[in-house]
Amino acid sequence: TNPSNPLGTVMDRTTLRTVVNFINQKRIHLISDEIYAATVFSHPSFISVAEIIEQDTDIECDRDLIHIIYSLSKDMGFPGFRVGIIYSYNDSVVNCARKMSSFGLG
């Protein structure tokens, strides 16, 4: 979870790079829960794992192993508004999520 719940601490770029390296070495999937991403207002600022794999070109990364989840209900203060987002580079994960979706196939 980045930012963490309940403290709101965020992972720095070095830690995220270490996590990405680890999952690539071990060939395991990373589900990055970024549900509180928009509620970080101070420093250090929030860095998404997507920024690491998109901007840090010196790091080896199998994008099929990385999946990001987010929801509007926490950041927007809509506790009953159940809108979740799964962002994945893995087509199999996206296709599975589409089949589980109740209201949309986006």
PDB file of N, CA and C in Angstrom:
ATOM      1  N   THR A   1       0.857  -1.173   0.000  1.00  0.00           N
ATOM      2  CA  THR A   1       0.000   0.000   0.000  1.00  0.00           C
ATOM      3  C   THR A   1       0.897   1.228   0.000  1.00  0.00           C
ATOM      4  N   ASN A   2       0.710   2.059  -0.982  1.00  0.00           N
ATOM      5  CA  ASN A   2       1.497   3.279  -1.119  1.00  0.00           C
ATOM      6  C   ASN A   2       0.584   4.378  -1.656  1.00  0.00           C
ATOM      7  N   PRO A   3       0.219   5.346  -0.850  1.00  0.00           N
ATOM      8  CA  PRO A   3       0.542   5.642   0.529  1.00  0.00           C
ATOM      9  C   PRO A   3      -0.089   4.621   1.493  1.00  0.00           C
ATOM     10  N   SER A   4       0.529   4.490   2.652  1.00  0.00           N
ATOM     11  CA  SER A   4       0.061   3.489   3.600  1.00  0.00           C
ATOM     12  C   SER A   4      -1.198   3.952   4.320  1.00  0.00           C
ATOM     13  N   ASN A   5      -1.925   3.005   4.801  1.00  0.00           N
ATOM     14  CA  ASN A   5      -3.109   3.266   5.611  1.00  0.00           C
ATOM     15  C   ASN A   5      -2.839   2.621   6.964  1.00  0.00           C
ATOM     16  N   PRO A   6      -2.875   3.297   8.074  1.00  0.00           N
ATOM     17  CA  PRO A   6      -3.501   4.593   8.300  1.00  0.00           C
ATOM     18  C   PRO A   6      -2.531   5.770   8.383  1.00  0.00           C
ATOM     19  N   LEU A   7      -1.232   5.543   8.290  1.00  0.00           N
ATOM     20  CA  LEU A   7      -0.274   6.621   8.545  1.00  0.00           C
ATOM     21  C   LEU A   7      -0.079   7.585   7.386  1.00  0.00           C
ATOM     22  N   GLY A   8      -0.325   7.145   6.165  1.00  0.00           N
ATOM     23  CA  GLY A   8      -0.150   8.017   5.017  1.00  0.00           C
ATOM     24  C   GLY A   8       1.286   8.177   4.571  1.00  0.00           C
ATOM     25  N   THR A   9       2.170   7.333   5.088  1.00  0.00           N
ATOM     26  CA  THR A   9       3.568   7.412   4.653  1.00  0.00           C
ATOM     27  C   THR A   9       3.682   6.910   3.217  1.00  0.00           C
ATOM     28  N   VAL A  10       4.646   7.424   2.503  1.00  0.00           N
ATOM     29  CA  VAL A  10       4.834   7.052   1.103  1.00  0.00           C
ATOM     30  C   VAL A  10       6.202   6.413   0.908  1.00  0.00           C
ATOM     31  N   MET A  11       6.294   5.574  -0.101  1.00  0.00           N
ATOM     32  CA  MET A  11       7.576   4.974  -0.461  1.00  0.00           C
ATOM     33  C   MET A  11       8.345   5.937  -1.345  1.00  0.00           C
ATOM     34  N   ASP A  12       9.643   6.032  -1.106  1.00  0.00           N
ATOM     35  CA  ASP A  12      10.459   6.893  -1.952  1.00  0.00           C
ATOM     36  C   ASP A  12      10.872   6.140  -3.220  1.00  0.00           C
ATOM     37  N   ARG A  13      11.451   6.860  -4.142  1.00  0.00           N
ATOM     38  CA  ARG A  13      11.841   6.294  -5.439  1.00  0.00           C
ATOM     39  C   ARG A  13      12.811   5.117  -5.284  1.00  0.00           C
ATOM     40  N   THR A  14      13.751   5.228  -4.372  1.00  0.00           N
ATOM     41  CA  THR A  14      14.734   4.158  -4.168  1.00  0.00           C
ATOM     42  C   THR A  14      14.046   2.874  -3.698  1.00  0.00           C
ATOM     43  N   THR A  15      13.130   2.996  -2.768  1.00  0.00           N
ATOM     44  CA  THR A  15      12.400   1.829  -2.266  1.00  0.00           C
ATOM     45  C   THR A  15      11.562   1.199  -3.366  1.00  0.00           C
ATOM     46  N   LEU A  16      10.880   2.023  -4.137  1.00  0.00           N
ATOM     47  CA  LEU A  16      10.065   1.493  -5.231  1.00  0.00           C
ATOM     48  C   LEU A  16      10.924   0.793  -6.279  1.00  0.00           C
ATOM     49  N   ARG A  17      12.073   1.347  -6.573  1.00  0.00           N
ATOM     50  CA  ARG A  17      12.998   0.691  -7.515  1.00  0.00           C
ATOM     51  C   ARG A  17      13.445  -0.662  -6.969  1.00  0.00           C
ATOM     52  N   THR A  18      13.707  -0.728  -5.666  1.00  0.00           N
ATOM     53  CA  THR A  18      14.093  -1.989  -5.035  1.00  0.00           C
ATOM     54  C   THR A  18      12.971  -3.017  -5.140  1.00  0.00           C
ATOM     55  N   VAL A  19      11.747  -2.580  -4.917  1.00  0.00           N
ATOM     56  CA  VAL A  19      10.593  -3.481  -5.033  1.00  0.00           C
ATOM     57  C   VAL A  19      10.462  -4.007  -6.457  1.00  0.00           C
ATOM     58  N   VAL A  20      10.590  -3.134  -7.436  1.00  0.00           N
ATOM     59  CA  VAL A  20      10.485  -3.545  -8.842  1.00  0.00           C
ATOM     60  C   VAL A  20      11.601  -4.533  -9.192  1.00  0.00           C
ATOM     61  N   ASN A  21      12.810  -4.248  -8.745  1.00  0.00           N
ATOM     62  CA  ASN A  21      13.915  -5.192  -8.974  1.00  0.00           C
ATOM     63  C   ASN A  21      13.627  -6.547  -8.335  1.00  0.00           C
ATOM     64  N   PHE A  22      13.111  -6.538  -7.114  1.00  0.00           N
ATOM     65  CA  PHE A  22      12.820  -7.770  -6.391  1.00  0.00           C
ATOM     66  C   PHE A  22      11.773  -8.618  -7.116  1.00  0.00           C
ATOM     67  N   ILE A  23      10.669  -7.991  -7.520  1.00  0.00           N
ATOM     68  CA  ILE A  23       9.619  -8.782  -8.182  1.00  0.00           C
ATOM     69  C   ILE A  23      10.099  -9.340  -9.517  1.00  0.00           C
ATOM     70  N   ASN A  24      10.967  -8.600 -10.187  1.00  0.00           N
ATOM     71  CA  ASN A  24      11.517  -9.109 -11.447  1.00  0.00           C
ATOM     72  C   ASN A  24      12.463 -10.275 -11.223  1.00  0.00           C
ATOM     73  N   GLN A  25      13.292 -10.193 -10.203  1.00  0.00           N
ATOM     74  CA  GLN A  25      14.216 -11.291  -9.898  1.00  0.00           C
ATOM     75  C   GLN A  25      13.466 -12.548  -9.477  1.00  0.00           C
ATOM     76  N   LYS A  26      12.436 -12.383  -8.663  1.00  0.00           N
ATOM     77  CA  LYS A  26      11.689 -13.520  -8.119  1.00  0.00           C
ATOM     78  C   LYS A  26      10.532 -13.958  -9.018  1.00  0.00           C
ATOM     79  N   ARG A  27      10.239 -13.145 -10.054  1.00  0.00           N
ATOM     80  CA  ARG A  27       9.144 -13.442 -10.987  1.00  0.00           C
ATOM     81  C   ARG A  27       7.805 -13.552 -10.257  1.00  0.00           C
ATOM     82  N   ILE A  28       7.542 -12.582  -9.370  1.00  0.00           N
ATOM     83  CA  ILE A  28       6.273 -12.539  -8.653  1.00  0.00           C
ATOM     84  C   ILE A  28       5.533 -11.269  -9.045  1.00  0.00           C
ATOM     85  N   HIS A  29       4.236 -11.280  -8.872  1.00  0.00           N
ATOM     86  CA  HIS A  29       3.411 -10.133  -9.236  1.00  0.00           C
ATOM     87  C   HIS A  29       3.375  -9.116  -8.099  1.00  0.00           C
ATOM     88  N   LEU A  30       3.308  -7.854  -8.476  1.00  0.00           N
ATOM     89  CA  LEU A  30       3.165  -6.753  -7.533  1.00  0.00           C
ATOM     90  C   LEU A  30       1.791  -6.131  -7.744  1.00  0.00           C
ATOM     91  N   ILE A  31       1.004  -6.097  -6.684  1.00  0.00           N
ATOM     92  CA  ILE A  31      -0.261  -5.362  -6.707  1.00  0.00           C
ATOM     93  C   ILE A  31      -0.038  -4.126  -5.849  1.00  0.00           C
ATOM     94  N   SER A  32       0.044  -2.993  -6.487  1.00  0.00           N
ATOM     95  CA  SER A  32       0.303  -1.737  -5.796  1.00  0.00           C
ATOM     96  C   SER A  32      -1.023  -1.051  -5.491  1.00  0.00           C
ATOM     97  N   ASP A  33      -1.368  -1.007  -4.214  1.00  0.00           N
ATOM     98  CA  ASP A  33      -2.607  -0.373  -3.764  1.00  0.00           C
ATOM     99  C   ASP A  33      -2.319   1.112  -3.568  1.00  0.00           C
ATOM    100  N   GLU A  34      -2.785   1.933  -4.499  1.00  0.00           N
ATOM    101  CA  GLU A  34      -2.534   3.376  -4.460  1.00  0.00           C
ATOM    102  C   GLU A  34      -3.825   4.141  -4.184  1.00  0.00           C
ATOM    103  N   ILE A  35      -4.677   3.544  -3.341  1.00  0.00           N
ATOM    104  CA  ILE A  35      -6.015   4.064  -3.111  1.00  0.00           C
ATOM    105  C   ILE A  35      -6.031   5.459  -2.472  1.00  0.00           C
ATOM    106  N   TYR A  36      -4.969   5.819  -1.752  1.00  0.00           N
ATOM    107  CA  TYR A  36      -4.909   7.142  -1.117  1.00  0.00           C
ATOM    108  C   TYR A  36      -3.966   8.098  -1.839  1.00  0.00           C
ATOM    109  N   ALA A  37      -3.672   7.843  -3.089  1.00  0.00           N
ATOM    110  CA  ALA A  37      -2.663   8.617  -3.823  1.00  0.00           C
ATOM    111  C   ALA A  37      -2.948  10.119  -3.873  1.00  0.00           C
ATOM    112  N   ALA A  38      -4.187  10.509  -4.003  1.00  0.00           N
ATOM    113  CA  ALA A  38      -4.509  11.933  -4.141  1.00  0.00           C
ATOM    114  C   ALA A  38      -4.636  12.649  -2.801  1.00  0.00           C
ATOM    115  N   THR A  39      -4.467  11.928  -1.684  1.00  0.00           N
ATOM    116  CA  THR A  39      -4.605  12.576  -0.381  1.00  0.00           C
ATOM    117  C   THR A  39      -3.255  12.888   0.251  1.00  0.00           C
ATOM    118  N   VAL A  40      -2.173  12.766  -0.510  1.00  0.00           N
ATOM    119  CA  VAL A  40      -0.845  13.133  -0.010  1.00  0.00           C
ATOM    120  C   VAL A  40      -0.574  14.571  -0.450  1.00  0.00           C
ATOM    121  N   PHE A  41      -0.460  15.467   0.530  1.00  0.00           N
ATOM    122  CA  PHE A  41      -0.311  16.887   0.214  1.00  0.00           C
ATOM    123  C   PHE A  41       1.026  17.468   0.640  1.00  0.00           C
ATOM    124  N   SER A  42       1.860  16.679   1.300  1.00  0.00           N
ATOM    125  CA  SER A  42       3.116  17.213   1.803  1.00  0.00           C
ATOM    126  C   SER A  42       4.288  16.413   1.259  1.00  0.00           C
ATOM    127  N   HIS A  43       5.474  16.813   1.671  1.00  0.00           N
ATOM    128  CA  HIS A  43       6.684  16.117   1.230  1.00  0.00           C
ATOM    129  C   HIS A  43       7.049  15.050   2.242  1.00  0.00           C
ATOM    130  N   PRO A  44       7.545  13.917   1.833  1.00  0.00           N
ATOM    131  CA  PRO A  44       7.835  13.606   0.441  1.00  0.00           C
ATOM    132  C   PRO A  44       6.546  13.357  -0.330  1.00  0.00           C
ATOM    133  N   SER A  45       6.541  13.736  -1.576  1.00  0.00           N
ATOM    134  CA  SER A  45       5.341  13.590  -2.380  1.00  0.00           C
ATOM    135  C   SER A  45       5.174  12.154  -2.852  1.00  0.00           C
ATOM    136  N   PHE A  46       3.973  11.825  -3.257  1.00  0.00           N
ATOM    137  CA  PHE A  46       3.637  10.482  -3.702  1.00  0.00           C
ATOM    138  C   PHE A  46       4.286  10.182  -5.054  1.00  0.00           C
ATOM    139  N   ILE A  47       4.859   8.995  -5.182  1.00  0.00           N
ATOM    140  CA  ILE A  47       5.402   8.493  -6.442  1.00  0.00           C
ATOM    141  C   ILE A  47       4.725   7.165  -6.721  1.00  0.00           C
ATOM    142  N   SER A  48       4.102   7.046  -7.855  1.00  0.00           N
ATOM    143  CA  SER A  48       3.458   5.795  -8.252  1.00  0.00           C
ATOM    144  C   SER A  48       4.498   4.824  -8.794  1.00  0.00           C
ATOM    145  N   VAL A  49       4.242   3.533  -8.619  1.00  0.00           N
ATOM    146  CA  VAL A  49       5.123   2.533  -9.209  1.00  0.00           C
ATOM    147  C   VAL A  49       5.105   2.663 -10.734  1.00  0.00           C
ATOM    148  N   ALA A  50       4.017   3.194 -11.283  1.00  0.00           N
ATOM    149  CA  ALA A  50       3.946   3.420 -12.732  1.00  0.00           C
ATOM    150  C   ALA A  50       5.001   4.422 -13.178  1.00  0.00           C
ATOM    151  N   GLU A  51       5.287   5.421 -12.349  1.00  0.00           N
ATOM    152  CA  GLU A  51       6.329   6.390 -12.676  1.00  0.00           C
ATOM    153  C   GLU A  51       7.693   5.722 -12.748  1.00  0.00           C
ATOM    154  N   ILE A  52       7.926   4.767 -11.882  1.00  0.00           N
ATOM    155  CA  ILE A  52       9.214   4.069 -11.866  1.00  0.00           C
ATOM    156  C   ILE A  52       9.405   3.300 -13.167  1.00  0.00           C
ATOM    157  N   ILE A  53       8.404   2.556 -13.566  1.00  0.00           N
ATOM    158  CA  ILE A  53       8.590   1.712 -14.752  1.00  0.00           C
ATOM    159  C   ILE A  53       8.480   2.497 -16.057  1.00  0.00           C
ATOM    160  N   GLU A  54       7.862   3.659 -16.010  1.00  0.00           N
ATOM    161  CA  GLU A  54       7.746   4.479 -17.219  1.00  0.00           C
ATOM    162  C   GLU A  54       8.935   5.424 -17.383  1.00  0.00           C
ATOM    163  N   GLN A  55       9.433   5.988 -16.289  1.00  0.00           N
ATOM    164  CA  GLN A  55      10.460   7.028 -16.369  1.00  0.00           C
ATOM    165  C   GLN A  55      11.878   6.535 -16.132  1.00  0.00           C
ATOM    166  N   ASP A  56      12.034   5.537 -15.278  1.00  0.00           N
ATOM    167  CA  ASP A  56      13.380   5.047 -14.957  1.00  0.00           C
ATOM    168  C   ASP A  56      13.777   3.972 -15.965  1.00  0.00           C
ATOM    169  N   THR A  57      14.298   4.399 -17.073  1.00  0.00           N
ATOM    170  CA  THR A  57      14.588   3.477 -18.183  1.00  0.00           C
ATOM    171  C   THR A  57      15.787   2.580 -17.909  1.00  0.00           C
ATOM    172  N   ASP A  58      16.551   2.880 -16.869  1.00  0.00           N
ATOM    173  CA  ASP A  58      17.714   2.053 -16.556  1.00  0.00           C
ATOM    174  C   ASP A  58      17.358   0.797 -15.756  1.00  0.00           C
ATOM    175  N   ILE A  59      16.105   0.654 -15.371  1.00  0.00           N
ATOM    176  CA  ILE A  59      15.695  -0.485 -14.565  1.00  0.00           C
ATOM    177  C   ILE A  59      15.014  -1.534 -15.450  1.00  0.00           C
ATOM    178  N   GLU A  60      15.423  -2.789 -15.274  1.00  0.00           N
ATOM    179  CA  GLU A  60      14.804  -3.876 -16.028  1.00  0.00           C
ATOM    180  C   GLU A  60      13.474  -4.225 -15.380  1.00  0.00           C
ATOM    181  N   CYS A  61      12.431  -4.337 -16.208  1.00  0.00           N
ATOM    182  CA  CYS A  61      11.112  -4.543 -15.640  1.00  0.00           C
ATOM    183  C   CYS A  61      10.222  -5.330 -16.591  1.00  0.00           C
ATOM    184  N   ASP A  62       9.620  -6.390 -16.077  1.00  0.00           N
ATOM    185  CA  ASP A  62       8.579  -7.104 -16.807  1.00  0.00           C
ATOM    186  C   ASP A  62       7.251  -6.485 -16.395  1.00  0.00           C
ATOM    187  N   ARG A  63       6.720  -5.653 -17.222  1.00  0.00           N
ATOM    188  CA  ARG A  63       5.501  -4.905 -16.894  1.00  0.00           C
ATOM    189  C   ARG A  63       4.294  -5.804 -16.663  1.00  0.00           C
ATOM    190  N   ASP A  64       4.316  -7.008 -17.195  1.00  0.00           N
ATOM    191  CA  ASP A  64       3.207  -7.932 -16.981  1.00  0.00           C
ATOM    192  C   ASP A  64       3.070  -8.343 -15.521  1.00  0.00           C
ATOM    193  N   LEU A  65       4.073  -8.050 -14.708  1.00  0.00           N
ATOM    194  CA  LEU A  65       4.051  -8.424 -13.297  1.00  0.00           C
ATOM    195  C   LEU A  65       3.509  -7.316 -12.394  1.00  0.00           C
ATOM    196  N   ILE A  66       3.199  -6.152 -12.957  1.00  0.00           N
ATOM    197  CA  ILE A  66       2.812  -5.001 -12.138  1.00  0.00           C
ATOM    198  C   ILE A  66       1.359  -4.610 -12.393  1.00  0.00           C
ATOM    199  N   HIS A  67       0.617  -4.473 -11.284  1.00  0.00           N
ATOM    200  CA  HIS A  67      -0.802  -4.139 -11.339  1.00  0.00           C
ATOM    201  C   HIS A  67      -1.078  -3.068 -10.278  1.00  0.00           C
ATOM    202  N   ILE A  68      -1.814  -2.042 -10.657  1.00  0.00           N
ATOM    203  CA  ILE A  68      -2.096  -0.924  -9.755  1.00  0.00           C
ATOM    204  C   ILE A  68      -3.602  -0.861  -9.533  1.00  0.00           C
ATOM    205  N   ILE A  69      -3.988  -0.724  -8.256  1.00  0.00           N
ATOM    206  CA  ILE A  69      -5.404  -0.564  -7.953  1.00  0.00           C
ATOM    207  C   ILE A  69      -5.631   0.797  -7.311  1.00  0.00           C
ATOM    208  N   TYR A  70      -6.808   1.345  -7.566  1.00  0.00           N
ATOM    209  CA  TYR A  70      -7.169   2.671  -7.085  1.00  0.00           C
ATOM    210  C   TYR A  70      -8.680   2.720  -6.947  1.00  0.00           C
ATOM    211  N   SER A  71      -9.175   3.631  -6.144  1.00  0.00           N
ATOM    212  CA  SER A  71     -10.611   3.805  -5.973  1.00  0.00           C
ATOM    213  C   SER A  71     -10.924   5.276  -5.762  1.00  0.00           C
ATOM    214  N   LEU A  72     -12.036   5.696  -6.274  1.00  0.00           N
ATOM    215  CA  LEU A  72     -12.463   7.087  -6.082  1.00  0.00           C
ATOM    216  C   LEU A  72     -13.055   7.328  -4.698  1.00  0.00           C
ATOM    217  N   SER A  73     -13.558   6.297  -4.045  1.00  0.00           N
ATOM    218  CA  SER A  73     -14.298   6.481  -2.797  1.00  0.00           C
ATOM    219  C   SER A  73     -13.457   7.097  -1.683  1.00  0.00           C
ATOM    220  N   LYS A  74     -12.188   6.747  -1.573  1.00  0.00           N
ATOM    221  CA  LYS A  74     -11.358   7.267  -0.478  1.00  0.00           C
ATOM    222  C   LYS A  74     -10.884   8.688  -0.757  1.00  0.00           C
ATOM    223  N   ASP A  75     -10.277   8.917  -1.903  1.00  0.00           N
ATOM    224  CA  ASP A  75      -9.717  10.235  -2.211  1.00  0.00           C
ATOM    225  C   ASP A  75     -10.789  11.301  -2.404  1.00  0.00           C
ATOM    226  N   MET A  76     -11.925  10.917  -2.898  1.00  0.00           N
ATOM    227  CA  MET A  76     -12.977  11.892  -3.167  1.00  0.00           C
ATOM    228  C   MET A  76     -13.959  12.028  -2.005  1.00  0.00           C
ATOM    229  N   GLY A  77     -13.787  11.207  -0.970  1.00  0.00           N
ATOM    230  CA  GLY A  77     -14.678  11.289   0.194  1.00  0.00           C
ATOM    231  C   GLY A  77     -16.073  10.786  -0.093  1.00  0.00           C
ATOM    232  N   PHE A  78     -16.207   9.810  -0.970  1.00  0.00           N
ATOM    233  CA  PHE A  78     -17.495   9.211  -1.310  1.00  0.00           C
ATOM    234  C   PHE A  78     -17.526   7.770  -0.799  1.00  0.00           C
ATOM    235  N   PRO A  79     -17.767   7.552   0.505  1.00  0.00           N
ATOM    236  CA  PRO A  79     -17.654   6.207   1.050  1.00  0.00           C
ATOM    237  C   PRO A  79     -18.586   5.177   0.400  1.00  0.00           C
ATOM    238  N   GLY A  80     -19.719   5.582  -0.132  1.00  0.00           N
ATOM    239  CA  GLY A  80     -20.631   4.636  -0.767  1.00  0.00           C
ATOM    240  C   GLY A  80     -20.444   4.531  -2.270  1.00  0.00           C
ATOM    241  N   PHE A  81     -19.568   5.338  -2.820  1.00  0.00           N
ATOM    242  CA  PHE A  81     -19.342   5.401  -4.264  1.00  0.00           C
ATOM    243  C   PHE A  81     -18.295   4.362  -4.638  1.00  0.00           C
ATOM    244  N   ARG A  82     -18.738   3.203  -5.040  1.00  0.00           N
ATOM    245  CA  ARG A  82     -17.857   2.059  -5.270  1.00  0.00           C
ATOM    246  C   ARG A  82     -17.340   2.030  -6.702  1.00  0.00           C
ATOM    247  N   VAL A  83     -16.340   2.857  -6.966  1.00  0.00           N
ATOM    248  CA  VAL A  83     -15.708   2.875  -8.277  1.00  0.00           C
ATOM    249  C   VAL A  83     -14.240   2.534  -8.082  1.00  0.00           C
ATOM    250  N   GLY A  84     -13.847   1.388  -8.600  1.00  0.00           N
ATOM    251  CA  GLY A  84     -12.469   0.955  -8.484  1.00  0.00           C
ATOM    252  C   GLY A  84     -11.807   0.889  -9.842  1.00  0.00           C
ATOM    253  N   ILE A  85     -10.500   0.980  -9.834  1.00  0.00           N
ATOM    254  CA  ILE A  85      -9.731   0.963 -11.072  1.00  0.00           C
ATOM    255  C   ILE A  85      -8.607  -0.053 -10.923  1.00  0.00           C
ATOM    256  N   ILE A  86      -8.453  -0.886 -11.914  1.00  0.00           N
ATOM    257  CA  ILE A  86      -7.302  -1.778 -11.987  1.00  0.00           C
ATOM    258  C   ILE A  86      -6.530  -1.369 -13.233  1.00  0.00           C
ATOM    259  N   TYR A  87      -5.285  -0.962 -13.012  1.00  0.00           N
ATOM    260  CA  TYR A  87      -4.415  -0.594 -14.125  1.00  0.00           C
ATOM    261  C   TYR A  87      -3.331  -1.658 -14.194  1.00  0.00           C
ATOM    262  N   SER A  88      -3.299  -2.367 -15.289  1.00  0.00           N
ATOM    263  CA  SER A  88      -2.321  -3.442 -15.432  1.00  0.00           C
ATOM    264  C   SER A  88      -1.776  -3.449 -16.850  1.00  0.00           C
ATOM    265  N   TYR A  89      -0.530  -3.833 -16.964  1.00  0.00           N
ATOM    266  CA  TYR A  89       0.108  -3.992 -18.267  1.00  0.00           C
ATOM    267  C   TYR A  89      -0.124  -5.403 -18.806  1.00  0.00           C
ATOM    268  N   ASN A  90      -0.753  -6.249 -17.992  1.00  0.00           N
ATOM    269  CA  ASN A  90      -0.961  -7.649 -18.310  1.00  0.00           C
ATOM    270  C   ASN A  90      -2.371  -7.839 -18.872  1.00  0.00           C
ATOM    271  N   ASP A  91      -2.464  -8.200 -20.138  1.00  0.00           N
ATOM    272  CA  ASP A  91      -3.772  -8.357 -20.789  1.00  0.00           C
ATOM    273  C   ASP A  91      -4.637  -9.416 -20.121  1.00  0.00           C
ATOM    274  N   SER A  92      -4.043 -10.472 -19.601  1.00  0.00           N
ATOM    275  CA  SER A  92      -4.820 -11.520 -18.934  1.00  0.00           C
ATOM    276  C   SER A  92      -5.500 -10.984 -17.679  1.00  0.00           C
ATOM    277  N   VAL A  93      -4.792 -10.160 -16.920  1.00  0.00           N
ATOM    278  CA  VAL A  93      -5.360  -9.560 -15.717  1.00  0.00           C
ATOM    279  C   VAL A  93      -6.486  -8.601 -16.088  1.00  0.00           C
ATOM    280  N   VAL A  94      -6.272  -7.785 -17.095  1.00  0.00           N
ATOM    281  CA  VAL A  94      -7.301  -6.835 -17.532  1.00  0.00           C
ATOM    282  C   VAL A  94      -8.536  -7.574 -18.021  1.00  0.00           C
ATOM    283  N   ASN A  95      -8.367  -8.619 -18.803  1.00  0.00           N
ATOM    284  CA  ASN A  95      -9.513  -9.392 -19.304  1.00  0.00           C
ATOM    285  C   ASN A  95     -10.282 -10.045 -18.166  1.00  0.00           C
ATOM    286  N   CYS A  96      -9.585 -10.561 -17.172  1.00  0.00           N
ATOM    287  CA  CYS A  96     -10.238 -11.150 -16.011  1.00  0.00           C
ATOM    288  C   CYS A  96     -11.023 -10.090 -15.239  1.00  0.00           C
ATOM    289  N   ALA A  97     -10.427  -8.927 -15.050  1.00  0.00           N
ATOM    290  CA  ALA A  97     -11.095  -7.838 -14.334  1.00  0.00           C
ATOM    291  C   ALA A  97     -12.346  -7.386 -15.078  1.00  0.00           C
ATOM    292  N   ARG A  98     -12.293  -7.367 -16.369  1.00  0.00           N
ATOM    293  CA  ARG A  98     -13.484  -6.994 -17.158  1.00  0.00           C
ATOM    294  C   ARG A  98     -14.625  -7.961 -16.895  1.00  0.00           C
ATOM    295  N   LYS A  99     -14.317  -9.236 -16.766  1.00  0.00           N
ATOM    296  CA  LYS A  99     -15.352 -10.242 -16.529  1.00  0.00           C
ATOM    297  C   LYS A  99     -15.939 -10.109 -15.135  1.00  0.00           C
ATOM    298  N   MET A 100     -15.172  -9.589 -14.190  1.00  0.00           N
ATOM    299  CA  MET A 100     -15.654  -9.425 -12.818  1.00  0.00           C
ATOM    300  C   MET A 100     -16.379  -8.105 -12.613  1.00  0.00           C
ATOM    301  N   SER A 101     -16.294  -7.196 -13.549  1.00  0.00           N
ATOM    302  CA  SER A 101     -16.868  -5.867 -13.414  1.00  0.00           C
ATOM    303  C   SER A 101     -18.394  -5.941 -13.405  1.00  0.00           C
ATOM    304  N   SER A 102     -18.999  -5.218 -12.489  1.00  0.00           N
ATOM    305  CA  SER A 102     -20.452  -5.210 -12.370  1.00  0.00           C
ATOM    306  C   SER A 102     -21.124  -4.224 -13.313  1.00  0.00           C
ATOM    307  N   PHE A 103     -20.489  -3.066 -13.526  1.00  0.00           N
ATOM    308  CA  PHE A 103     -21.177  -1.998 -14.234  1.00  0.00           C
ATOM    309  C   PHE A 103     -20.480  -1.483 -15.476  1.00  0.00           C
ATOM    310  N   GLY A 104     -19.236  -1.768 -15.644  1.00  0.00           N
ATOM    311  CA  GLY A 104     -18.540  -1.201 -16.803  1.00  0.00           C
ATOM    312  C   GLY A 104     -17.441  -2.109 -17.286  1.00  0.00           C
ATOM    313  N   LEU A 105     -17.077  -1.939 -18.515  1.00  0.00           N
ATOM    314  CA  LEU A 105     -16.047  -2.771 -19.117  1.00  0.00           C
ATOM    315  C   LEU A 105     -14.840  -1.966 -19.524  1.00  0.00           C
ATOM    316  N   GLY A 106     -14.688  -0.732 -19.008  1.00  0.00           N
ATOM    317  CA  GLY A 106     -13.621   0.183 -19.350  1.00  0.00           C
ATOM    318  C   GLY A 106     -12.311  -0.381 -19.210  1.00  0.00           C
TER     319      GLY A 106
END
